[in-house]
């Protein structure tokens, strides 16, 4: 099983099995990294420009792991393992219910095929190094602790624990209280009484 730099498990054997489309992919199939950040990797940007800025994965037989700048980060709206939805309170600094969980960590800036130190992600794995792509999923903080504890996997069939449901319902109750409507006369009589 893959591990974090600290040696705790991430809950999957292959992060790419849980990865989605690249964060740099535009709606029309072009590479936003090459369009917006050409100076970060001029050779990569030049290759993309020569191909009309098409995404590397548009090539035949190419996978996400073959792109030196691939990354897939979560939107954090729902736990991937148990399905607990995030409920955030405005103007409240309480800890989120759903957190970002790294399946693999991006290398230092310039890793990749062009001018970087790490080679492709596949090569980095063959050499025993940590993956060079950032891949994250959303996990509720209870599932997150279980996965890092080593006794749970991201793809387990799980339900939210009672503590998670209680916390979510508490937040939803506060949210409903904030959205409640009271007339000015009701607010006035409450403050007088």
N, C-alpha and C. Protein backbone atom coordinates (compact mmCIF):
# COMPACT_ATOMS: atom_id res chain seq x y z
N UNK A 1 0.85 -1.18 0.00
CA UNK A 1 0.00 0.00 0.00
C UNK A 1 0.89 1.24 0.00
N UNK A 2 0.47 2.25 -0.75
CA UNK A 2 1.21 3.51 -0.79
C UNK A 2 1.25 4.13 0.61
N UNK A 3 2.29 4.91 0.89
CA UNK A 3 2.43 5.55 2.19
C UNK A 3 2.73 7.03 2.02
N UNK A 4 2.45 7.79 3.08
CA UNK A 4 2.79 9.21 3.11
C UNK A 4 4.28 9.35 3.35
N UNK A 5 4.84 10.54 3.20
CA UNK A 5 6.26 10.72 3.53
C UNK A 5 6.57 10.38 4.99
N UNK A 6 5.57 10.45 5.87
CA UNK A 6 5.76 10.10 7.28
C UNK A 6 5.64 8.60 7.54
N UNK A 7 5.26 7.83 6.51
CA UNK A 7 5.18 6.39 6.65
C UNK A 7 3.81 5.84 7.00
N UNK A 8 2.78 6.69 7.10
CA UNK A 8 1.44 6.19 7.37
C UNK A 8 0.78 5.80 6.05
N UNK A 9 -0.10 4.80 6.08
CA UNK A 9 -0.74 4.37 4.83
C UNK A 9 -1.73 5.39 4.29
N UNK A 10 -1.90 5.41 2.96
CA UNK A 10 -2.87 6.32 2.35
C UNK A 10 -4.17 5.61 2.00
N UNK A 11 -4.22 4.30 2.16
CA UNK A 11 -5.46 3.57 1.97
C UNK A 11 -5.72 3.03 0.58
N UNK A 12 -4.72 3.08 -0.31
CA UNK A 12 -4.86 2.53 -1.67
C UNK A 12 -3.54 1.93 -2.11
N UNK A 13 -3.65 0.96 -3.03
CA UNK A 13 -2.45 0.37 -3.62
C UNK A 13 -1.91 1.26 -4.74
N UNK A 14 -2.83 1.75 -5.60
CA UNK A 14 -2.44 2.57 -6.75
C UNK A 14 -3.27 3.84 -6.77
N UNK A 15 -2.68 4.99 -6.46
CA UNK A 15 -3.44 6.25 -6.45
C UNK A 15 -4.13 6.56 -7.77
N UNK A 16 -3.56 6.12 -8.89
CA UNK A 16 -4.13 6.44 -10.19
C UNK A 16 -5.46 5.74 -10.44
N UNK A 17 -5.74 4.66 -9.71
CA UNK A 17 -7.04 4.00 -9.83
C UNK A 17 -8.16 4.86 -9.26
N UNK A 18 -7.82 5.82 -8.42
CA UNK A 18 -8.81 6.68 -7.77
C UNK A 18 -8.76 8.11 -8.30
N UNK A 19 -7.92 8.35 -9.28
CA UNK A 19 -7.73 9.69 -9.81
C UNK A 19 -8.71 9.96 -10.94
N UNK A 20 -9.04 11.21 -11.09
CA UNK A 20 -9.94 11.64 -12.17
C UNK A 20 -9.19 12.48 -13.17
N UNK A 21 -9.94 13.32 -13.85
CA UNK A 21 -9.35 14.20 -14.86
C UNK A 21 -8.38 15.19 -14.20
N UNK A 22 -7.40 15.58 -14.95
CA UNK A 22 -6.39 16.52 -14.47
C UNK A 22 -7.00 17.89 -14.18
N UNK A 23 -6.54 18.53 -13.12
CA UNK A 23 -7.00 19.87 -12.78
C UNK A 23 -6.66 20.89 -13.86
N UNK A 24 -5.65 20.61 -14.66
CA UNK A 24 -5.22 21.54 -15.72
C UNK A 24 -5.98 21.36 -17.03
N UNK A 25 -6.84 20.36 -17.11
CA UNK A 25 -7.57 20.08 -18.34
C UNK A 25 -8.72 21.08 -18.52
N UNK A 26 -8.76 21.73 -19.67
CA UNK A 26 -9.85 22.67 -19.96
C UNK A 26 -11.03 21.91 -20.53
N UNK A 27 -12.16 22.58 -20.62
CA UNK A 27 -13.37 21.96 -21.16
C UNK A 27 -13.24 21.54 -22.61
N UNK A 28 -12.34 22.17 -23.34
CA UNK A 28 -12.17 21.80 -24.75
C UNK A 28 -10.95 20.90 -24.98
N UNK A 29 -10.43 20.29 -23.91
CA UNK A 29 -9.36 19.29 -24.05
C UNK A 29 -7.96 19.84 -24.15
N UNK A 30 -7.78 21.11 -23.80
CA UNK A 30 -6.44 21.69 -23.86
C UNK A 30 -5.79 21.69 -22.48
N UNK A 31 -4.49 21.88 -22.45
CA UNK A 31 -3.72 21.88 -21.22
C UNK A 31 -3.58 23.30 -20.67
N UNK A 32 -4.26 23.58 -19.57
CA UNK A 32 -4.21 24.91 -18.95
C UNK A 32 -2.81 25.21 -18.40
N UNK A 33 -2.10 24.18 -17.95
CA UNK A 33 -0.74 24.39 -17.44
C UNK A 33 0.13 25.00 -18.53
N UNK A 34 0.08 24.44 -19.74
CA UNK A 34 0.89 24.96 -20.85
C UNK A 34 0.44 26.35 -21.28
N UNK A 35 -0.86 26.62 -21.17
CA UNK A 35 -1.39 27.93 -21.55
C UNK A 35 -1.03 29.02 -20.55
N UNK A 36 -1.15 28.72 -19.26
CA UNK A 36 -1.00 29.74 -18.22
C UNK A 36 0.38 29.78 -17.57
N UNK A 37 1.09 28.67 -17.60
CA UNK A 37 2.35 28.60 -16.85
C UNK A 37 3.50 28.12 -17.73
N UNK A 38 3.56 28.59 -18.94
CA UNK A 38 4.59 28.14 -19.90
C UNK A 38 6.00 28.34 -19.37
N UNK A 39 6.22 29.38 -18.61
CA UNK A 39 7.55 29.66 -18.09
C UNK A 39 8.02 28.66 -17.05
N UNK A 40 7.10 27.92 -16.43
CA UNK A 40 7.48 26.92 -15.43
C UNK A 40 8.12 25.69 -16.05
N UNK A 41 7.77 25.39 -17.28
CA UNK A 41 8.35 24.25 -18.00
C UNK A 41 8.30 24.58 -19.49
N UNK A 42 9.25 25.37 -19.98
CA UNK A 42 9.22 25.82 -21.38
C UNK A 42 9.21 24.70 -22.41
N UNK A 43 9.92 23.61 -22.16
CA UNK A 43 9.95 22.50 -23.10
C UNK A 43 8.59 21.83 -23.22
N UNK A 44 7.96 21.61 -22.10
CA UNK A 44 6.62 21.01 -22.08
C UNK A 44 5.63 21.93 -22.80
N UNK A 45 5.70 23.23 -22.49
CA UNK A 45 4.79 24.20 -23.11
C UNK A 45 5.00 24.26 -24.63
N UNK A 46 6.25 24.17 -25.06
CA UNK A 46 6.53 24.20 -26.50
C UNK A 46 5.94 22.97 -27.19
N UNK A 47 6.06 21.81 -26.55
CA UNK A 47 5.46 20.59 -27.12
C UNK A 47 3.94 20.70 -27.20
N UNK A 48 3.33 21.26 -26.17
CA UNK A 48 1.87 21.41 -26.16
C UNK A 48 1.44 22.44 -27.21
N UNK A 49 2.22 23.52 -27.35
CA UNK A 49 1.91 24.54 -28.35
C UNK A 49 1.96 23.94 -29.76
N UNK A 50 2.96 23.08 -30.00
CA UNK A 50 3.09 22.43 -31.31
C UNK A 50 1.91 21.51 -31.60
N UNK A 51 1.26 20.99 -30.55
CA UNK A 51 0.09 20.12 -30.70
C UNK A 51 -1.22 20.87 -30.49
N UNK A 52 -1.20 22.18 -30.63
CA UNK A 52 -2.41 22.97 -30.45
C UNK A 52 -2.88 23.02 -29.00
N UNK A 53 -1.93 22.87 -28.08
CA UNK A 53 -2.19 22.86 -26.63
C UNK A 53 -3.07 21.69 -26.19
N UNK A 54 -3.19 20.65 -27.03
CA UNK A 54 -3.95 19.47 -26.63
C UNK A 54 -3.32 18.83 -25.40
N UNK A 55 -4.15 18.29 -24.53
CA UNK A 55 -3.70 17.57 -23.34
C UNK A 55 -2.83 16.39 -23.76
N UNK A 56 -1.80 16.10 -22.98
CA UNK A 56 -0.91 14.98 -23.26
C UNK A 56 -1.69 13.68 -23.39
N UNK A 57 -2.71 13.50 -22.57
CA UNK A 57 -3.47 12.26 -22.55
C UNK A 57 -4.32 12.08 -23.80
N UNK A 58 -4.43 13.13 -24.61
CA UNK A 58 -5.15 13.00 -25.88
C UNK A 58 -4.42 12.07 -26.84
N UNK A 59 -3.13 11.85 -26.59
CA UNK A 59 -2.36 10.94 -27.43
C UNK A 59 -2.77 9.49 -27.22
N UNK A 60 -2.59 8.70 -28.23
CA UNK A 60 -2.99 7.29 -28.16
C UNK A 60 -2.07 6.53 -27.21
N UNK A 61 -2.67 5.75 -26.31
CA UNK A 61 -1.91 4.94 -25.37
C UNK A 61 -1.27 5.71 -24.23
N UNK A 62 -1.67 6.96 -24.04
CA UNK A 62 -1.09 7.79 -22.98
C UNK A 62 -2.07 7.83 -21.81
N UNK A 63 -1.55 7.71 -20.59
CA UNK A 63 -2.36 7.76 -19.38
C UNK A 63 -1.99 8.99 -18.57
N UNK A 64 -2.84 9.28 -17.57
CA UNK A 64 -2.58 10.45 -16.72
C UNK A 64 -1.19 10.38 -16.10
N UNK A 65 -0.77 9.22 -15.68
CA UNK A 65 0.53 9.11 -15.00
C UNK A 65 1.69 9.48 -15.92
N UNK A 66 1.46 9.54 -17.24
CA UNK A 66 2.52 9.87 -18.20
C UNK A 66 2.76 11.37 -18.34
N UNK A 67 1.85 12.17 -17.86
CA UNK A 67 2.01 13.63 -17.97
C UNK A 67 2.82 14.15 -16.79
N UNK A 68 3.87 14.91 -17.03
CA UNK A 68 4.70 15.39 -15.93
C UNK A 68 4.00 16.41 -15.02
N UNK A 69 2.91 17.00 -15.47
CA UNK A 69 2.25 18.04 -14.67
C UNK A 69 0.84 17.64 -14.24
N UNK A 70 0.53 16.36 -14.31
CA UNK A 70 -0.79 15.89 -13.90
C UNK A 70 -1.01 16.13 -12.41
N UNK A 71 -2.21 16.56 -12.07
CA UNK A 71 -2.63 16.63 -10.67
C UNK A 71 -4.15 16.58 -10.64
N UNK A 72 -4.66 15.93 -9.62
CA UNK A 72 -6.10 15.80 -9.43
C UNK A 72 -6.40 16.04 -7.96
N UNK A 73 -6.99 17.17 -7.67
CA UNK A 73 -7.32 17.50 -6.29
C UNK A 73 -8.83 17.53 -6.12
N UNK A 74 -9.27 17.26 -4.91
CA UNK A 74 -10.68 17.09 -4.61
C UNK A 74 -11.41 18.41 -4.45
N UNK A 75 -12.73 18.37 -4.62
CA UNK A 75 -13.56 19.53 -4.32
C UNK A 75 -14.00 19.53 -2.86
N UNK A 76 -13.83 18.41 -2.17
CA UNK A 76 -14.09 18.34 -0.74
C UNK A 76 -15.54 18.42 -0.33
N UNK A 77 -16.47 18.04 -1.19
CA UNK A 77 -17.89 18.18 -0.87
C UNK A 77 -18.48 16.97 -0.15
N UNK A 78 -17.85 15.80 -0.31
CA UNK A 78 -18.41 14.58 0.27
C UNK A 78 -17.30 13.56 0.50
N UNK A 79 -17.39 12.81 1.60
CA UNK A 79 -16.40 11.79 1.91
C UNK A 79 -16.45 10.68 0.86
N UNK A 80 -15.31 10.37 0.27
CA UNK A 80 -15.23 9.34 -0.76
C UNK A 80 -15.51 7.96 -0.19
N UNK A 81 -15.24 7.75 1.10
CA UNK A 81 -15.36 6.43 1.71
C UNK A 81 -16.77 6.17 2.25
N UNK A 82 -17.34 7.10 3.02
CA UNK A 82 -18.63 6.84 3.67
C UNK A 82 -19.77 7.70 3.13
N UNK A 83 -19.45 8.71 2.33
CA UNK A 83 -20.49 9.54 1.73
C UNK A 83 -20.98 10.70 2.57
N UNK A 84 -20.37 10.95 3.72
CA UNK A 84 -20.81 12.07 4.58
C UNK A 84 -20.62 13.39 3.83
N UNK A 85 -21.70 14.19 3.68
CA UNK A 85 -21.55 15.48 2.99
C UNK A 85 -20.97 16.54 3.92
N UNK A 86 -20.23 17.45 3.34
CA UNK A 86 -19.67 18.57 4.10
C UNK A 86 -20.79 19.54 4.45
N UNK A 87 -20.76 20.05 5.66
CA UNK A 87 -21.69 21.10 6.09
C UNK A 87 -20.83 22.16 6.76
N UNK A 88 -20.65 23.28 6.08
CA UNK A 88 -19.82 24.36 6.61
C UNK A 88 -20.71 25.47 7.12
N UNK A 89 -20.31 26.06 8.21
CA UNK A 89 -21.05 27.16 8.80
C UNK A 89 -20.33 28.46 8.44
N UNK A 90 -21.10 29.43 7.94
CA UNK A 90 -20.52 30.74 7.62
C UNK A 90 -20.08 31.41 8.92
N UNK A 91 -18.99 32.10 8.87
CA UNK A 91 -18.47 32.86 10.01
C UNK A 91 -18.21 31.96 11.22
N UNK A 92 -17.81 30.74 10.97
CA UNK A 92 -17.54 29.78 12.04
C UNK A 92 -16.20 29.13 11.73
N UNK A 93 -15.33 29.08 12.70
CA UNK A 93 -14.00 28.52 12.45
C UNK A 93 -13.88 27.07 12.91
N UNK A 94 -15.00 26.37 13.06
CA UNK A 94 -14.94 24.98 13.49
C UNK A 94 -14.30 24.12 12.40
N UNK A 95 -13.74 23.03 12.83
CA UNK A 95 -13.04 22.11 11.94
C UNK A 95 -14.01 21.55 10.90
N UNK A 96 -13.59 21.47 9.63
CA UNK A 96 -14.47 20.92 8.59
C UNK A 96 -14.79 19.45 8.86
N UNK A 97 -15.94 19.00 8.39
CA UNK A 97 -16.29 17.58 8.50
C UNK A 97 -15.50 16.76 7.49
N UNK A 98 -15.28 17.32 6.30
CA UNK A 98 -14.60 16.62 5.22
C UNK A 98 -13.26 17.31 4.95
N UNK A 99 -12.22 16.50 4.87
CA UNK A 99 -10.86 17.01 4.70
C UNK A 99 -10.23 16.45 3.43
N UNK A 100 -9.20 17.13 2.96
CA UNK A 100 -8.45 16.66 1.81
C UNK A 100 -7.49 15.57 2.28
N UNK A 101 -7.48 14.44 1.55
CA UNK A 101 -6.61 13.32 1.88
C UNK A 101 -5.73 13.04 0.67
N UNK A 102 -4.42 13.07 0.86
CA UNK A 102 -3.48 12.83 -0.24
C UNK A 102 -3.29 11.33 -0.47
N UNK A 103 -3.53 10.92 -1.71
CA UNK A 103 -3.19 9.55 -2.12
C UNK A 103 -1.76 9.51 -2.62
N UNK A 104 -1.29 10.62 -3.18
CA UNK A 104 0.11 10.78 -3.54
C UNK A 104 0.42 12.26 -3.48
N UNK A 105 1.69 12.57 -3.36
CA UNK A 105 2.13 13.94 -3.16
C UNK A 105 2.92 14.42 -4.36
N UNK A 106 2.65 15.65 -4.79
CA UNK A 106 3.39 16.22 -5.91
C UNK A 106 4.85 16.37 -5.58
N UNK A 107 5.68 16.21 -6.61
CA UNK A 107 7.11 16.38 -6.43
C UNK A 107 7.45 17.85 -6.29
N UNK A 108 8.70 18.16 -6.23
CA UNK A 108 9.13 19.54 -6.03
C UNK A 108 9.13 20.28 -7.36
N UNK A 109 8.03 20.96 -7.62
CA UNK A 109 7.91 21.85 -8.77
C UNK A 109 8.19 21.23 -10.12
N UNK A 110 9.46 21.00 -10.46
CA UNK A 110 9.81 20.65 -11.82
C UNK A 110 9.98 19.18 -12.10
N UNK A 111 9.41 18.29 -11.30
CA UNK A 111 9.57 16.89 -11.64
C UNK A 111 8.81 16.57 -12.89
N UNK A 112 9.29 15.63 -13.61
CA UNK A 112 8.63 15.26 -14.85
C UNK A 112 9.65 14.90 -15.90
N UNK A 113 9.18 14.69 -17.11
CA UNK A 113 10.07 14.26 -18.19
C UNK A 113 11.00 15.36 -18.63
N UNK A 114 10.58 16.59 -18.59
CA UNK A 114 11.34 17.67 -19.17
C UNK A 114 12.08 18.47 -18.09
N UNK A 115 13.36 18.32 -18.04
CA UNK A 115 14.18 19.17 -17.19
C UNK A 115 13.99 18.96 -15.71
N UNK A 116 13.18 18.03 -15.29
CA UNK A 116 12.98 17.81 -13.87
C UNK A 116 13.88 16.71 -13.37
N UNK A 117 13.92 16.56 -12.07
CA UNK A 117 14.80 15.58 -11.47
C UNK A 117 14.17 14.21 -11.33
N UNK A 118 12.84 14.12 -11.36
CA UNK A 118 12.20 12.88 -10.96
C UNK A 118 11.81 11.93 -12.06
N UNK A 119 11.85 12.30 -13.33
CA UNK A 119 11.32 11.44 -14.37
C UNK A 119 9.81 11.39 -14.28
N UNK A 120 9.20 10.48 -15.04
CA UNK A 120 7.74 10.38 -14.98
C UNK A 120 7.35 9.73 -13.68
N UNK A 121 6.07 9.83 -13.36
CA UNK A 121 5.59 9.22 -12.12
C UNK A 121 5.81 7.71 -12.15
N UNK A 122 5.61 7.10 -13.30
CA UNK A 122 5.82 5.65 -13.40
C UNK A 122 7.27 5.31 -13.09
N UNK A 123 8.21 6.11 -13.62
CA UNK A 123 9.62 5.87 -13.33
C UNK A 123 9.93 6.08 -11.87
N UNK A 124 9.33 7.10 -11.27
CA UNK A 124 9.58 7.36 -9.85
C UNK A 124 9.13 6.17 -9.02
N UNK A 125 8.00 5.56 -9.38
CA UNK A 125 7.52 4.41 -8.63
C UNK A 125 8.46 3.23 -8.83
N UNK A 126 8.98 3.03 -10.05
CA UNK A 126 9.89 1.93 -10.31
C UNK A 126 11.17 2.08 -9.51
N UNK A 127 11.60 3.31 -9.30
CA UNK A 127 12.83 3.55 -8.56
C UNK A 127 12.62 3.57 -7.05
N UNK A 128 11.38 3.38 -6.59
CA UNK A 128 11.11 3.34 -5.16
C UNK A 128 10.88 4.71 -4.55
N UNK A 129 10.87 5.76 -5.35
CA UNK A 129 10.62 7.10 -4.84
C UNK A 129 9.12 7.31 -4.68
N UNK A 130 8.77 8.38 -3.96
CA UNK A 130 7.34 8.68 -3.84
C UNK A 130 6.82 9.21 -5.17
N UNK A 131 5.52 9.05 -5.46
CA UNK A 131 4.97 9.53 -6.73
C UNK A 131 5.19 11.03 -6.89
N UNK A 132 5.28 11.48 -8.14
CA UNK A 132 5.54 12.89 -8.38
C UNK A 132 4.28 13.68 -8.71
N UNK A 133 3.11 13.06 -8.61
CA UNK A 133 1.86 13.74 -8.90
C UNK A 133 1.03 13.91 -7.63
N UNK A 134 0.36 15.05 -7.53
CA UNK A 134 -0.53 15.27 -6.39
C UNK A 134 -1.92 14.73 -6.74
N UNK A 135 -2.38 13.77 -5.95
CA UNK A 135 -3.71 13.19 -6.13
C UNK A 135 -4.39 13.19 -4.77
N UNK A 136 -5.55 13.85 -4.68
CA UNK A 136 -6.25 13.92 -3.40
C UNK A 136 -7.70 13.48 -3.58
N UNK A 137 -8.27 12.99 -2.49
CA UNK A 137 -9.70 12.69 -2.41
C UNK A 137 -10.21 13.32 -1.13
N UNK A 138 -11.53 13.42 -1.02
CA UNK A 138 -12.14 13.97 0.19
C UNK A 138 -12.51 12.81 1.13
N UNK A 139 -12.12 12.94 2.39
CA UNK A 139 -12.51 11.98 3.42
C UNK A 139 -13.01 12.76 4.63
N UNK A 140 -14.07 12.24 5.27
CA UNK A 140 -14.49 12.87 6.52
C UNK A 140 -13.36 12.65 7.53
N UNK A 141 -13.31 13.47 8.55
CA UNK A 141 -12.18 13.37 9.47
C UNK A 141 -12.15 12.04 10.22
N UNK A 142 -13.28 11.35 10.35
CA UNK A 142 -13.31 10.06 11.02
C UNK A 142 -12.73 8.98 10.10
N UNK A 143 -13.12 8.98 8.83
CA UNK A 143 -12.54 8.03 7.87
C UNK A 143 -11.06 8.33 7.65
N UNK A 144 -10.70 9.60 7.64
CA UNK A 144 -9.32 10.02 7.46
C UNK A 144 -8.44 9.40 8.55
N UNK A 145 -8.90 9.47 9.78
CA UNK A 145 -8.14 8.89 10.89
C UNK A 145 -8.02 7.38 10.76
N UNK A 146 -9.10 6.73 10.33
CA UNK A 146 -9.06 5.27 10.16
C UNK A 146 -8.09 4.86 9.06
N UNK A 147 -8.09 5.59 7.95
CA UNK A 147 -7.19 5.26 6.84
C UNK A 147 -5.75 5.43 7.27
N UNK A 148 -5.41 6.56 7.92
CA UNK A 148 -4.03 6.77 8.36
C UNK A 148 -3.66 5.84 9.50
N UNK A 149 -4.65 5.34 10.24
CA UNK A 149 -4.38 4.36 11.29
C UNK A 149 -4.02 3.00 10.73
N UNK A 150 -4.30 2.79 9.45
CA UNK A 150 -3.87 1.57 8.79
C UNK A 150 -4.90 0.46 8.76
N UNK A 151 -6.07 0.65 9.33
CA UNK A 151 -7.04 -0.44 9.33
C UNK A 151 -8.23 -0.18 8.43
N UNK A 152 -8.15 0.81 7.55
CA UNK A 152 -9.24 1.10 6.61
C UNK A 152 -8.64 1.48 5.26
N UNK A 153 -9.42 1.24 4.21
CA UNK A 153 -9.02 1.59 2.86
C UNK A 153 -10.01 2.61 2.31
N UNK A 154 -9.57 3.42 1.38
CA UNK A 154 -10.42 4.45 0.79
C UNK A 154 -11.63 3.82 0.10
N UNK A 155 -11.45 2.67 -0.53
CA UNK A 155 -12.55 2.07 -1.28
C UNK A 155 -13.39 1.08 -0.47
N UNK A 156 -13.26 1.07 0.86
CA UNK A 156 -14.12 0.23 1.71
C UNK A 156 -15.57 0.66 1.55
N UNK A 157 -16.48 -0.30 1.68
CA UNK A 157 -17.91 0.01 1.71
C UNK A 157 -18.22 0.40 3.16
N UNK A 158 -18.37 1.68 3.42
CA UNK A 158 -18.52 2.18 4.79
C UNK A 158 -19.70 3.12 4.91
N UNK A 159 -20.19 3.27 6.11
CA UNK A 159 -21.24 4.24 6.44
C UNK A 159 -20.67 5.24 7.43
N UNK A 160 -21.24 6.44 7.48
CA UNK A 160 -20.74 7.42 8.46
C UNK A 160 -20.89 6.89 9.89
N UNK A 161 -19.90 7.15 10.72
CA UNK A 161 -19.97 6.74 12.13
C UNK A 161 -20.97 7.63 12.86
N UNK A 162 -21.54 7.17 13.97
CA UNK A 162 -22.53 7.97 14.71
C UNK A 162 -22.03 9.37 15.10
N UNK A 163 -20.76 9.49 15.45
CA UNK A 163 -20.22 10.81 15.83
C UNK A 163 -20.27 11.78 14.65
N UNK A 164 -19.99 11.27 13.46
CA UNK A 164 -20.01 12.12 12.26
C UNK A 164 -21.43 12.58 11.95
N UNK A 165 -22.38 11.66 12.06
CA UNK A 165 -23.78 12.02 11.81
C UNK A 165 -24.26 13.04 12.83
N UNK A 166 -23.89 12.84 14.10
CA UNK A 166 -24.30 13.78 15.16
C UNK A 166 -23.73 15.17 14.91
N UNK A 167 -22.48 15.25 14.51
CA UNK A 167 -21.86 16.55 14.23
C UNK A 167 -22.52 17.22 13.04
N UNK A 168 -22.79 16.45 11.99
CA UNK A 168 -23.46 17.03 10.82
C UNK A 168 -24.85 17.53 11.17
N UNK A 169 -25.62 16.77 11.94
CA UNK A 169 -26.97 17.18 12.32
C UNK A 169 -26.94 18.41 13.23
N UNK A 170 -25.95 18.49 14.10
CA UNK A 170 -25.79 19.67 14.94
C UNK A 170 -25.57 20.92 14.08
N UNK A 171 -24.73 20.79 13.07
CA UNK A 171 -24.47 21.92 12.17
C UNK A 171 -25.71 22.27 11.35
N UNK A 172 -26.42 21.26 10.91
CA UNK A 172 -27.64 21.53 10.14
C UNK A 172 -28.69 22.22 11.02
N UNK A 173 -28.76 21.84 12.28
CA UNK A 173 -29.69 22.50 13.21
C UNK A 173 -29.34 23.97 13.40
N UNK A 174 -28.06 24.27 13.57
CA UNK A 174 -27.63 25.67 13.70
C UNK A 174 -27.91 26.44 12.42
N UNK A 175 -27.70 25.78 11.28
CA UNK A 175 -27.97 26.41 9.99
C UNK A 175 -29.46 26.76 9.86
N UNK A 176 -30.32 25.85 10.26
CA UNK A 176 -31.76 26.09 10.18
C UNK A 176 -32.17 27.23 11.14
N UNK A 177 -31.56 27.28 12.31
CA UNK A 177 -31.85 28.38 13.25
C UNK A 177 -31.46 29.72 12.64
N UNK A 178 -30.33 29.77 11.96
CA UNK A 178 -29.88 31.02 11.34
C UNK A 178 -30.79 31.44 10.20
N UNK A 179 -31.38 30.47 9.53
CA UNK A 179 -32.23 30.79 8.39
C UNK A 179 -33.67 31.07 8.81
N UNK A 180 -33.97 30.89 10.08
CA UNK A 180 -35.33 31.12 10.55
C UNK A 180 -35.73 32.58 10.40
N UNK A 181 -37.01 32.81 10.20
CA UNK A 181 -37.52 34.17 10.00
C UNK A 181 -38.32 34.59 11.22
N UNK A 182 -38.08 35.78 11.66
CA UNK A 182 -38.92 36.35 12.71
C UNK A 182 -39.18 37.82 12.36
N UNK A 183 -40.38 38.25 12.66
CA UNK A 183 -40.75 39.63 12.34
C UNK A 183 -40.05 40.58 13.30
N UNK A 184 -40.05 41.85 12.94
CA UNK A 184 -39.44 42.86 13.80
C UNK A 184 -40.13 42.93 15.15
N UNK A 185 -41.45 42.80 15.17
CA UNK A 185 -42.15 42.84 16.46
C UNK A 185 -41.79 41.66 17.33
N UNK A 186 -41.56 40.47 16.71
CA UNK A 186 -41.13 39.31 17.50
C UNK A 186 -39.74 39.52 18.08
N UNK A 187 -38.85 40.07 17.28
CA UNK A 187 -37.49 40.34 17.78
C UNK A 187 -37.54 41.39 18.86
N UNK A 188 -38.40 42.38 18.72
CA UNK A 188 -38.52 43.43 19.72
C UNK A 188 -39.05 42.88 21.04
N UNK A 189 -40.08 42.02 20.97
CA UNK A 189 -40.64 41.47 22.19
C UNK A 189 -39.68 40.51 22.86
N UNK A 190 -38.82 39.81 22.08
CA UNK A 190 -37.82 38.93 22.65
C UNK A 190 -36.78 39.72 23.41
N UNK A 191 -36.38 40.87 22.88
CA UNK A 191 -35.35 41.67 23.56
C UNK A 191 -35.93 42.41 24.75
N UNK A 192 -37.25 42.70 24.76
CA UNK A 192 -37.87 43.38 25.90
C UNK A 192 -38.10 42.41 27.04
N UNK A 193 -38.37 41.13 26.73
CA UNK A 193 -38.79 40.18 27.73
C UNK A 193 -37.70 39.55 28.44
